[in-house]
Structure formats: C-alpha cells, structure tokens
Amino acid sequence: MKYSLFALTAIAALLQPAWAQDRIYRCGNEYTNNAAQAKERGCKLVEGGNVTVVEGTRPAAAASGGSAGAAPSGSKAGSSPANAPRVGAADQRARDADARAILEAELRKAETRLADLRKEYNDGAPQRSALELRNPQGYIERTAELKAAVTRAEADVAGIKREIGRLTN
C-alpha cells in the first residue's frame, strides 16, 4: 500500500507538466498562447478552464484572393467549383431535357396516385368494409391513414411541380 501510493505520486509528478497549460489569450475571435503577441494586440487573458481550439479550413474564395463572405464577381451563388469539368451547351440542354422528362413522368405517377387516394378517401367518408362495420375503431384508423396519405401525395405533387419550375428558371 505504501509503495503503490509512492508510485502514484511519482507518476503524477512526472505527468504534471503534461497537464499544465500555457496562459491563453483571447484576441477577438482568435486565441493565442504567445504572450508578446497578446500584449502587442491588447488581448485578454482567458481564465477558468482549459481552452481547446481546432483550426478550421479557409473557404476556397478566401484562399483564391476574394473575400470570405462574398462570391467572386460574375458568379452565381450555386456555381460549381473552378476545377469542375465544363459541359457544352448542347450537352447541358440534353441533360435538362432528360431531367424534365423524368420529372414529368414522376409527376404523372404522383398525380395518378393522388387521384386514386382521393377517390378511396371519398372526402373523409371511405367505403366501409365488412370488418369495419363490426369494428368502428378500425374504420377511424383507416380514414386517418388515408387522410395522411392524401396529404403526403399532395406534398409530393407540389414538390415535383416546384422542381419542374426550377428547370425553366
């Protein structure tokens, strides 16, 4: 017991410098442990705990010389990176036409499904089955599920229409 306490104390003494942390100074949104730099910039000492700072990456626009918050002149917010491969105008029109055809096919399927669900839902009064005549709770549950399905199908149709509208812009 006596020797294990001594060993723990010796290990703690050896690890003490690893636990210690230099003084940390806050300079606005930046942190430093360089006292001379902190004094020069008028930074404040951070007290009351350890500080962990993880270096972030700089945005590509800032690295290329532009400002970090603004897009370079002449570019759109959704533009592709400078090193992205270029696509010819004819190829892009073909891709847009394919996308439109796919979305229109999806829209037709979604509208058909919506029409079927609305017919089955029957404005909140779906046809009762023989089982539901004996179990009114089952009918109430099926009606609620149909209402939710109609709402989802309407949202699907609206979403597809929005996507088609974006293709024309």
N, C-alpha and C. Protein backbone atom coordinates (compact mmCIF):
# COMPACT_ATOMS: atom_id res chain seq x y z
N MET A 1 0.83 -1.19 0.00
CA MET A 1 0.00 0.00 0.00
C MET A 1 0.88 1.25 0.00
N LYS A 2 1.87 1.24 0.81
CA LYS A 2 2.75 2.37 0.94
C LYS A 2 3.51 2.61 -0.36
N TYR A 3 3.95 1.51 -0.99
CA TYR A 3 4.72 1.63 -2.23
C TYR A 3 3.83 2.06 -3.41
N SER A 4 2.59 1.58 -3.43
CA SER A 4 1.70 1.96 -4.54
C SER A 4 1.34 3.44 -4.45
N LEU A 5 1.17 3.97 -3.24
CA LEU A 5 0.89 5.39 -3.08
C LEU A 5 2.09 6.22 -3.54
N PHE A 6 3.29 5.73 -3.21
CA PHE A 6 4.51 6.41 -3.66
C PHE A 6 4.62 6.39 -5.18
N ALA A 7 4.29 5.26 -5.79
CA ALA A 7 4.37 5.12 -7.25
C ALA A 7 3.37 6.06 -7.93
N LEU A 8 2.16 6.14 -7.39
CA LEU A 8 1.16 7.04 -7.96
C LEU A 8 1.60 8.49 -7.85
N THR A 9 2.20 8.85 -6.73
CA THR A 9 2.68 10.21 -6.54
C THR A 9 3.81 10.52 -7.52
N ALA A 10 4.68 9.58 -7.74
CA ALA A 10 5.79 9.78 -8.67
C ALA A 10 5.28 9.92 -10.10
N ILE A 11 4.31 9.11 -10.48
CA ILE A 11 3.75 9.19 -11.83
C ILE A 11 3.04 10.54 -12.00
N ALA A 12 2.30 10.96 -10.99
CA ALA A 12 1.59 12.24 -11.07
C ALA A 12 2.59 13.39 -11.20
N ALA A 13 3.72 13.30 -10.52
CA ALA A 13 4.74 14.35 -10.61
C ALA A 13 5.35 14.40 -12.01
N LEU A 14 5.52 13.23 -12.62
CA LEU A 14 6.07 13.18 -13.97
C LEU A 14 5.08 13.72 -15.00
N LEU A 15 3.80 13.47 -14.80
CA LEU A 15 2.78 13.89 -15.75
C LEU A 15 2.32 15.33 -15.53
N GLN A 16 2.70 15.94 -14.43
CA GLN A 16 2.26 17.30 -14.12
C GLN A 16 2.53 18.28 -15.24
N PRO A 17 3.71 18.31 -15.86
CA PRO A 17 3.92 19.28 -16.94
C PRO A 17 2.99 19.02 -18.13
N ALA A 18 2.60 17.79 -18.39
CA ALA A 18 1.70 17.50 -19.49
C ALA A 18 0.30 18.03 -19.19
N TRP A 19 -0.07 18.06 -17.94
CA TRP A 19 -1.39 18.57 -17.57
C TRP A 19 -1.44 20.09 -17.62
N ALA A 20 -0.29 20.71 -17.35
CA ALA A 20 -0.25 22.17 -17.28
C ALA A 20 -0.45 22.75 -18.68
N GLN A 21 -1.06 23.91 -18.72
CA GLN A 21 -1.32 24.57 -19.99
C GLN A 21 -0.80 26.00 -19.89
N ASP A 22 -0.19 26.47 -20.99
CA ASP A 22 0.28 27.84 -21.01
C ASP A 22 -0.90 28.78 -20.86
N ARG A 23 -0.59 30.01 -20.56
CA ARG A 23 -1.65 31.02 -20.48
C ARG A 23 -2.20 31.24 -21.88
N ILE A 24 -3.50 31.35 -21.96
CA ILE A 24 -4.18 31.54 -23.23
C ILE A 24 -4.78 32.95 -23.25
N TYR A 25 -4.60 33.63 -24.35
CA TYR A 25 -5.11 34.97 -24.52
C TYR A 25 -6.14 34.99 -25.65
N ARG A 26 -7.19 35.77 -25.46
CA ARG A 26 -8.23 35.90 -26.49
C ARG A 26 -8.08 37.25 -27.16
N CYS A 27 -7.97 37.21 -28.48
CA CYS A 27 -7.85 38.42 -29.28
C CYS A 27 -9.03 38.45 -30.25
N GLY A 28 -10.16 38.95 -29.80
CA GLY A 28 -11.36 38.94 -30.64
C GLY A 28 -11.87 37.51 -30.78
N ASN A 29 -11.86 36.97 -32.00
CA ASN A 29 -12.28 35.60 -32.23
C ASN A 29 -11.11 34.65 -32.33
N GLU A 30 -9.92 35.12 -32.09
CA GLU A 30 -8.72 34.29 -32.18
C GLU A 30 -8.14 34.09 -30.78
N TYR A 31 -7.42 32.98 -30.62
CA TYR A 31 -6.75 32.68 -29.36
C TYR A 31 -5.27 32.48 -29.63
N THR A 32 -4.45 32.84 -28.65
CA THR A 32 -3.02 32.64 -28.78
C THR A 32 -2.42 32.35 -27.41
N ASN A 33 -1.27 31.66 -27.41
CA ASN A 33 -0.54 31.46 -26.17
C ASN A 33 0.79 32.20 -26.22
N ASN A 34 0.96 33.08 -27.19
CA ASN A 34 2.15 33.89 -27.33
C ASN A 34 1.93 35.18 -26.55
N ALA A 35 2.59 35.31 -25.40
CA ALA A 35 2.36 36.45 -24.51
C ALA A 35 2.77 37.77 -25.16
N ALA A 36 3.87 37.78 -25.91
CA ALA A 36 4.33 39.02 -26.55
C ALA A 36 3.32 39.49 -27.59
N GLN A 37 2.84 38.56 -28.39
CA GLN A 37 1.85 38.89 -29.41
C GLN A 37 0.55 39.37 -28.75
N ALA A 38 0.16 38.72 -27.66
CA ALA A 38 -1.06 39.10 -26.96
C ALA A 38 -0.95 40.51 -26.38
N LYS A 39 0.20 40.82 -25.81
CA LYS A 39 0.40 42.15 -25.23
C LYS A 39 0.38 43.21 -26.33
N GLU A 40 1.00 42.89 -27.46
CA GLU A 40 1.07 43.81 -28.59
C GLU A 40 -0.32 44.11 -29.16
N ARG A 41 -1.17 43.10 -29.20
CA ARG A 41 -2.51 43.25 -29.78
C ARG A 41 -3.57 43.63 -28.75
N GLY A 42 -3.20 43.69 -27.48
CA GLY A 42 -4.15 44.07 -26.44
C GLY A 42 -5.16 42.97 -26.13
N CYS A 43 -4.70 41.73 -26.14
CA CYS A 43 -5.58 40.59 -25.91
C CYS A 43 -5.83 40.41 -24.41
N LYS A 44 -6.91 39.70 -24.09
CA LYS A 44 -7.27 39.46 -22.70
C LYS A 44 -6.95 38.02 -22.31
N LEU A 45 -6.50 37.84 -21.08
CA LEU A 45 -6.18 36.53 -20.56
C LEU A 45 -7.46 35.74 -20.33
N VAL A 46 -7.48 34.49 -20.78
CA VAL A 46 -8.64 33.63 -20.58
C VAL A 46 -8.41 32.86 -19.29
N GLU A 47 -9.36 32.97 -18.37
CA GLU A 47 -9.23 32.31 -17.09
C GLU A 47 -10.38 31.34 -16.87
N GLY A 48 -10.18 30.38 -16.00
CA GLY A 48 -11.27 29.50 -15.59
C GLY A 48 -11.44 28.25 -16.43
N GLY A 49 -10.37 27.63 -16.84
CA GLY A 49 -10.51 26.36 -17.55
C GLY A 49 -9.61 26.28 -18.75
N ASN A 50 -9.52 25.09 -19.27
CA ASN A 50 -8.71 24.86 -20.45
C ASN A 50 -9.47 25.27 -21.69
N VAL A 51 -8.74 25.68 -22.69
CA VAL A 51 -9.32 26.09 -23.96
C VAL A 51 -8.82 25.13 -25.03
N THR A 52 -9.73 24.59 -25.81
CA THR A 52 -9.36 23.75 -26.94
C THR A 52 -9.76 24.48 -28.20
N VAL A 53 -8.80 24.73 -29.07
CA VAL A 53 -9.05 25.43 -30.32
C VAL A 53 -8.72 24.48 -31.45
N VAL A 54 -9.66 24.30 -32.35
CA VAL A 54 -9.45 23.45 -33.52
C VAL A 54 -9.38 24.36 -34.73
N GLU A 55 -8.27 24.27 -35.46
CA GLU A 55 -8.10 25.10 -36.64
C GLU A 55 -9.10 24.67 -37.71
N GLY A 56 -9.79 25.63 -38.30
CA GLY A 56 -10.73 25.35 -39.37
C GLY A 56 -10.05 25.51 -40.71
N THR A 57 -10.78 25.18 -41.75
CA THR A 57 -10.25 25.37 -43.10
C THR A 57 -10.78 26.67 -43.65
N ARG A 58 -10.03 27.27 -44.51
CA ARG A 58 -10.44 28.53 -45.13
C ARG A 58 -11.31 28.22 -46.35
N PRO A 59 -12.33 29.03 -46.58
CA PRO A 59 -13.14 28.83 -47.79
C PRO A 59 -12.31 29.03 -49.04
N ALA A 60 -12.68 28.37 -50.14
CA ALA A 60 -11.93 28.44 -51.38
C ALA A 60 -11.86 29.87 -51.91
N ALA A 61 -12.93 30.65 -51.76
CA ALA A 61 -12.94 32.03 -52.25
C ALA A 61 -11.91 32.88 -51.52
N ALA A 62 -11.74 32.65 -50.21
CA ALA A 62 -10.77 33.41 -49.44
C ALA A 62 -9.35 33.01 -49.83
N ALA A 63 -9.15 31.72 -50.11
CA ALA A 63 -7.82 31.26 -50.49
C ALA A 63 -7.41 31.78 -51.86
N SER A 64 -8.40 32.04 -52.74
CA SER A 64 -8.07 32.50 -54.08
C SER A 64 -7.96 34.02 -54.18
N GLY A 65 -8.12 34.70 -53.05
CA GLY A 65 -7.92 36.14 -53.05
C GLY A 65 -9.19 36.93 -52.87
N GLY A 66 -10.37 36.32 -52.98
CA GLY A 66 -11.63 37.04 -52.78
C GLY A 66 -11.92 37.14 -51.31
N SER A 67 -12.94 37.89 -50.95
CA SER A 67 -13.31 37.97 -49.55
C SER A 67 -14.07 36.72 -49.16
N ALA A 68 -13.99 36.32 -47.90
CA ALA A 68 -14.60 35.07 -47.44
C ALA A 68 -16.11 35.08 -47.54
N GLY A 69 -16.76 36.23 -47.37
CA GLY A 69 -18.22 36.26 -47.35
C GLY A 69 -18.84 36.56 -48.70
N ALA A 70 -18.07 37.07 -49.64
CA ALA A 70 -18.67 37.48 -50.91
C ALA A 70 -18.26 36.53 -52.02
N ALA A 71 -19.16 36.31 -52.95
CA ALA A 71 -18.85 35.49 -54.11
C ALA A 71 -18.05 36.34 -55.09
N PRO A 72 -17.15 35.71 -55.85
CA PRO A 72 -16.39 36.47 -56.83
C PRO A 72 -17.34 37.11 -57.84
N SER A 73 -16.92 38.23 -58.41
CA SER A 73 -17.80 38.95 -59.32
C SER A 73 -18.12 38.11 -60.54
N GLY A 74 -19.39 38.17 -60.97
CA GLY A 74 -19.81 37.46 -62.15
C GLY A 74 -20.21 36.02 -61.90
N SER A 75 -20.19 35.55 -60.66
CA SER A 75 -20.55 34.16 -60.40
C SER A 75 -21.85 34.10 -59.64
N LYS A 76 -22.55 32.99 -59.79
CA LYS A 76 -23.81 32.78 -59.08
C LYS A 76 -23.51 32.10 -57.75
N ALA A 77 -24.47 32.16 -56.83
CA ALA A 77 -24.28 31.53 -55.53
C ALA A 77 -24.17 30.02 -55.66
N GLY A 78 -24.85 29.42 -56.62
CA GLY A 78 -24.85 27.96 -56.78
C GLY A 78 -23.88 27.49 -57.84
N SER A 79 -22.88 28.30 -58.22
CA SER A 79 -21.96 27.90 -59.28
C SER A 79 -21.05 26.79 -58.82
N SER A 80 -20.53 26.06 -59.79
CA SER A 80 -19.65 24.93 -59.48
C SER A 80 -18.23 25.42 -59.27
N PRO A 81 -17.39 24.60 -58.65
CA PRO A 81 -16.00 25.00 -58.42
C PRO A 81 -15.26 25.23 -59.74
N ALA A 82 -14.16 25.98 -59.67
CA ALA A 82 -13.41 26.34 -60.86
C ALA A 82 -12.80 25.11 -61.53
N ASN A 83 -12.49 24.07 -60.75
CA ASN A 83 -11.85 22.89 -61.33
C ASN A 83 -12.86 21.84 -61.81
N ALA A 84 -14.15 22.17 -61.82
CA ALA A 84 -15.16 21.23 -62.29
C ALA A 84 -15.10 21.16 -63.82
N PRO A 85 -15.35 19.96 -64.37
CA PRO A 85 -15.30 19.85 -65.83
C PRO A 85 -16.44 20.64 -66.48
N ARG A 86 -16.17 21.23 -67.61
CA ARG A 86 -17.15 22.04 -68.34
C ARG A 86 -17.99 21.13 -69.24
N VAL A 87 -19.26 21.49 -69.37
CA VAL A 87 -20.17 20.75 -70.22
C VAL A 87 -20.63 21.69 -71.31
N GLY A 88 -20.67 21.19 -72.53
CA GLY A 88 -21.10 22.01 -73.66
C GLY A 88 -22.57 22.38 -73.54
N ALA A 89 -22.97 23.45 -74.23
CA ALA A 89 -24.35 23.93 -74.16
C ALA A 89 -25.33 22.88 -74.66
N ALA A 90 -24.98 22.17 -75.73
CA ALA A 90 -25.87 21.14 -76.28
C ALA A 90 -26.03 19.99 -75.29
N ASP A 91 -24.92 19.59 -74.67
CA ASP A 91 -24.99 18.51 -73.67
C ASP A 91 -25.85 18.93 -72.48
N GLN A 92 -25.70 20.19 -72.07
CA GLN A 92 -26.47 20.67 -70.92
C GLN A 92 -27.96 20.72 -71.26
N ARG A 93 -28.30 21.15 -72.47
CA ARG A 93 -29.70 21.16 -72.89
C ARG A 93 -30.27 19.75 -72.91
N ALA A 94 -29.46 18.79 -73.36
CA ALA A 94 -29.91 17.39 -73.39
C ALA A 94 -30.13 16.88 -71.96
N ARG A 95 -29.24 17.22 -71.07
CA ARG A 95 -29.40 16.81 -69.67
C ARG A 95 -30.65 17.44 -69.06
N ASP A 96 -30.86 18.71 -69.35
CA ASP A 96 -32.05 19.41 -68.84
C ASP A 96 -33.32 18.77 -69.39
N ALA A 97 -33.30 18.41 -70.67
CA ALA A 97 -34.47 17.77 -71.28
C ALA A 97 -34.73 16.40 -70.63
N ASP A 98 -33.67 15.65 -70.37
CA ASP A 98 -33.82 14.35 -69.70
C ASP A 98 -34.39 14.54 -68.30
N ALA A 99 -33.86 15.51 -67.58
CA ALA A 99 -34.35 15.77 -66.22
C ALA A 99 -35.82 16.16 -66.24
N ARG A 100 -36.18 16.99 -67.20
CA ARG A 100 -37.58 17.40 -67.32
C ARG A 100 -38.47 16.21 -67.62
N ALA A 101 -38.03 15.33 -68.54
CA ALA A 101 -38.83 14.16 -68.89
C ALA A 101 -39.01 13.24 -67.68
N ILE A 102 -37.96 13.05 -66.92
CA ILE A 102 -38.04 12.20 -65.72
C ILE A 102 -39.00 12.81 -64.72
N LEU A 103 -38.86 14.12 -64.48
CA LEU A 103 -39.74 14.78 -63.51
C LEU A 103 -41.20 14.76 -63.97
N GLU A 104 -41.44 14.94 -65.27
CA GLU A 104 -42.81 14.90 -65.77
C GLU A 104 -43.42 13.51 -65.62
N ALA A 105 -42.61 12.47 -65.84
CA ALA A 105 -43.10 11.10 -65.64
C ALA A 105 -43.43 10.87 -64.17
N GLU A 106 -42.56 11.35 -63.28
CA GLU A 106 -42.81 11.23 -61.84
C GLU A 106 -44.07 12.00 -61.45
N LEU A 107 -44.26 13.17 -62.07
CA LEU A 107 -45.44 13.98 -61.77
C LEU A 107 -46.71 13.24 -62.18
N ARG A 108 -46.69 12.62 -63.37
CA ARG A 108 -47.87 11.86 -63.80
C ARG A 108 -48.19 10.72 -62.83
N LYS A 109 -47.14 10.00 -62.39
CA LYS A 109 -47.36 8.90 -61.43
C LYS A 109 -47.90 9.43 -60.11
N ALA A 110 -47.33 10.54 -59.64
CA ALA A 110 -47.77 11.12 -58.37
C ALA A 110 -49.20 11.62 -58.46
N GLU A 111 -49.56 12.24 -59.59
CA GLU A 111 -50.94 12.72 -59.74
C GLU A 111 -51.93 11.56 -59.83
N THR A 112 -51.54 10.47 -60.49
CA THR A 112 -52.40 9.28 -60.55
C THR A 112 -52.61 8.71 -59.16
N ARG A 113 -51.52 8.61 -58.41
CA ARG A 113 -51.63 8.09 -57.03
C ARG A 113 -52.51 9.00 -56.19
N LEU A 114 -52.36 10.30 -56.33
CA LEU A 114 -53.18 11.25 -55.58
C LEU A 114 -54.66 11.09 -55.94
N ALA A 115 -54.94 10.95 -57.22
CA ALA A 115 -56.34 10.78 -57.64
C ALA A 115 -56.93 9.50 -57.06
N ASP A 116 -56.14 8.41 -57.08
CA ASP A 116 -56.62 7.14 -56.50
C ASP A 116 -56.89 7.27 -55.01
N LEU A 117 -55.96 7.94 -54.29
CA LEU A 117 -56.13 8.11 -52.85
C LEU A 117 -57.34 8.99 -52.54
N ARG A 118 -57.54 10.04 -53.32
CA ARG A 118 -58.70 10.92 -53.09
C ARG A 118 -60.00 10.16 -53.34
N LYS A 119 -60.00 9.32 -54.37
CA LYS A 119 -61.20 8.54 -54.67
C LYS A 119 -61.50 7.58 -53.52
N GLU A 120 -60.45 6.91 -53.01
CA GLU A 120 -60.63 5.97 -51.90
C GLU A 120 -61.02 6.71 -50.63
N TYR A 121 -60.43 7.88 -50.38
CA TYR A 121 -60.72 8.67 -49.18
C TYR A 121 -62.14 9.21 -49.21
N ASN A 122 -62.64 9.56 -50.40
CA ASN A 122 -64.04 9.95 -50.59
C ASN A 122 -64.44 11.11 -49.66
N ASP A 123 -63.62 12.16 -49.66
CA ASP A 123 -63.89 13.34 -48.82
C ASP A 123 -64.11 13.00 -47.34
N GLY A 124 -63.34 12.08 -46.81
CA GLY A 124 -63.41 11.73 -45.39
C GLY A 124 -64.42 10.66 -45.05
N ALA A 125 -65.06 10.06 -46.06
CA ALA A 125 -66.04 9.01 -45.81
C ALA A 125 -65.76 7.82 -46.72
N PRO A 126 -64.63 7.10 -46.48
CA PRO A 126 -64.34 5.96 -47.35
C PRO A 126 -65.36 4.83 -47.17
N GLN A 127 -65.43 3.99 -48.18
CA GLN A 127 -66.33 2.84 -48.15
C GLN A 127 -65.95 1.94 -46.98
N ARG A 128 -66.93 1.54 -46.18
CA ARG A 128 -66.66 0.65 -45.04
C ARG A 128 -66.59 -0.79 -45.51
N SER A 129 -65.62 -1.51 -44.98
CA SER A 129 -65.54 -2.94 -45.27
C SER A 129 -66.39 -3.69 -44.25
N ALA A 130 -66.61 -4.99 -44.50
CA ALA A 130 -67.43 -5.80 -43.59
C ALA A 130 -66.78 -5.85 -42.21
N LEU A 131 -65.49 -5.94 -42.17
CA LEU A 131 -64.79 -5.99 -40.88
C LEU A 131 -64.95 -4.67 -40.13
N GLU A 132 -64.94 -3.56 -40.85
CA GLU A 132 -65.06 -2.26 -40.21
C GLU A 132 -66.48 -1.97 -39.73
N LEU A 133 -67.46 -2.66 -40.28
CA LEU A 133 -68.83 -2.50 -39.77
C LEU A 133 -68.93 -3.01 -38.34
N ARG A 134 -68.16 -4.07 -38.06
CA ARG A 134 -68.16 -4.61 -36.70
C ARG A 134 -67.13 -3.94 -35.80
N ASN A 135 -66.14 -3.28 -36.40
CA ASN A 135 -65.07 -2.64 -35.63
C ASN A 135 -64.94 -1.19 -36.06
N PRO A 136 -65.69 -0.30 -35.45
CA PRO A 136 -65.66 1.12 -35.86
C PRO A 136 -64.28 1.77 -35.69
N GLN A 137 -63.51 1.32 -34.71
CA GLN A 137 -62.18 1.91 -34.49
C GLN A 137 -61.27 1.66 -35.70
N GLY A 138 -61.38 0.49 -36.30
CA GLY A 138 -60.58 0.19 -37.49
C GLY A 138 -60.90 1.14 -38.63
N TYR A 139 -62.18 1.49 -38.77
CA TYR A 139 -62.60 2.42 -39.81
C TYR A 139 -62.01 3.81 -39.55
N ILE A 140 -62.04 4.23 -38.30
CA ILE A 140 -61.49 5.54 -37.93
C ILE A 140 -59.99 5.59 -38.21
N GLU A 141 -59.28 4.51 -37.87
CA GLU A 141 -57.84 4.45 -38.11
C GLU A 141 -57.52 4.47 -39.61
N ARG A 142 -58.28 3.69 -40.39
CA ARG A 142 -58.04 3.65 -41.84
C ARG A 142 -58.32 5.01 -42.46
N THR A 143 -59.35 5.69 -41.99
CA THR A 143 -59.68 7.03 -42.51
C THR A 143 -58.54 8.00 -42.21
N ALA A 144 -57.98 7.94 -41.01
CA ALA A 144 -56.86 8.82 -40.65
C ALA A 144 -55.63 8.51 -41.50
N GLU A 145 -55.37 7.21 -41.74
CA GLU A 145 -54.23 6.84 -42.58
C GLU A 145 -54.43 7.32 -44.01
N LEU A 146 -55.65 7.21 -44.52
CA LEU A 146 -55.93 7.70 -45.87
C LEU A 146 -55.75 9.21 -45.97
N LYS A 147 -56.20 9.92 -44.95
CA LYS A 147 -56.04 11.38 -44.94
C LYS A 147 -54.57 11.76 -44.96
N ALA A 148 -53.76 11.06 -44.16
CA ALA A 148 -52.32 11.33 -44.13
C ALA A 148 -51.68 11.00 -45.48
N ALA A 149 -52.13 9.90 -46.11
CA ALA A 149 -51.59 9.52 -47.41
C ALA A 149 -51.94 10.55 -48.47
N VAL A 150 -53.16 11.08 -48.41
CA VAL A 150 -53.57 12.12 -49.37
C VAL A 150 -52.71 13.37 -49.17
N THR A 151 -52.47 13.75 -47.94
CA THR A 151 -51.64 14.92 -47.64
C THR A 151 -50.22 14.73 -48.17
N ARG A 152 -49.66 13.53 -47.95
CA ARG A 152 -48.31 13.24 -48.46
C ARG A 152 -48.28 13.29 -49.98
N ALA A 153 -49.29 12.70 -50.61
CA ALA A 153 -49.34 12.68 -52.08
C ALA A 153 -49.46 14.10 -52.63
N GLU A 154 -50.25 14.96 -51.97
CA GLU A 154 -50.36 16.36 -52.41
C GLU A 154 -49.02 17.07 -52.28
N ALA A 155 -48.30 16.80 -51.19
CA ALA A 155 -46.98 17.41 -50.99
C ALA A 155 -46.00 16.90 -52.05
N ASP A 156 -46.09 15.62 -52.42
CA ASP A 156 -45.22 15.08 -53.46
C ASP A 156 -45.48 15.78 -54.79
N VAL A 157 -46.73 15.94 -55.16
CA VAL A 157 -47.09 16.60 -56.42
C VAL A 157 -46.58 18.04 -56.40
N ALA A 158 -46.79 18.75 -55.30
CA ALA A 158 -46.32 20.14 -55.20
C ALA A 158 -44.80 20.22 -55.31
N GLY A 159 -44.10 19.30 -54.68
CA GLY A 159 -42.63 19.29 -54.74
C GLY A 159 -42.11 19.04 -56.14
N ILE A 160 -42.73 18.10 -56.84
CA ILE A 160 -42.31 17.81 -58.21
C ILE A 160 -42.59 19.01 -59.11
N LYS A 161 -43.73 19.66 -58.91
CA LYS A 161 -44.03 20.85 -59.70
C LYS A 161 -43.02 21.96 -59.44
N ARG A 162 -42.59 22.10 -58.18
CA ARG A 162 -41.56 23.10 -57.85
C ARG A 162 -40.26 22.78 -58.59
N GLU A 163 -39.88 21.51 -58.61
CA GLU A 163 -38.64 21.11 -59.30
C GLU A 163 -38.73 21.40 -60.79
N ILE A 164 -39.88 21.12 -61.39
CA ILE A 164 -40.06 21.41 -62.82
C ILE A 164 -39.98 22.93 -63.05
N GLY A 165 -40.54 23.70 -62.14
CA GLY A 165 -40.47 25.16 -62.24
C GLY A 165 -39.04 25.66 -62.15
N ARG A 166 -38.21 25.01 -61.38
CA ARG A 166 -36.80 25.42 -61.26
C ARG A 166 -36.03 25.16 -62.55
N LEU A 167 -36.46 24.14 -63.29
CA LEU A 167 -35.76 23.84 -64.55
C LEU A 167 -35.97 24.94 -65.58
N THR A 168 -37.10 25.59 -65.52
CA THR A 168 -37.36 26.64 -66.51
C THR A 168 -36.64 27.94 -66.17
N ASN A 169 -36.22 28.11 -64.90
CA ASN A 169 -35.54 29.35 -64.48
C ASN A 169 -34.08 29.31 -64.81
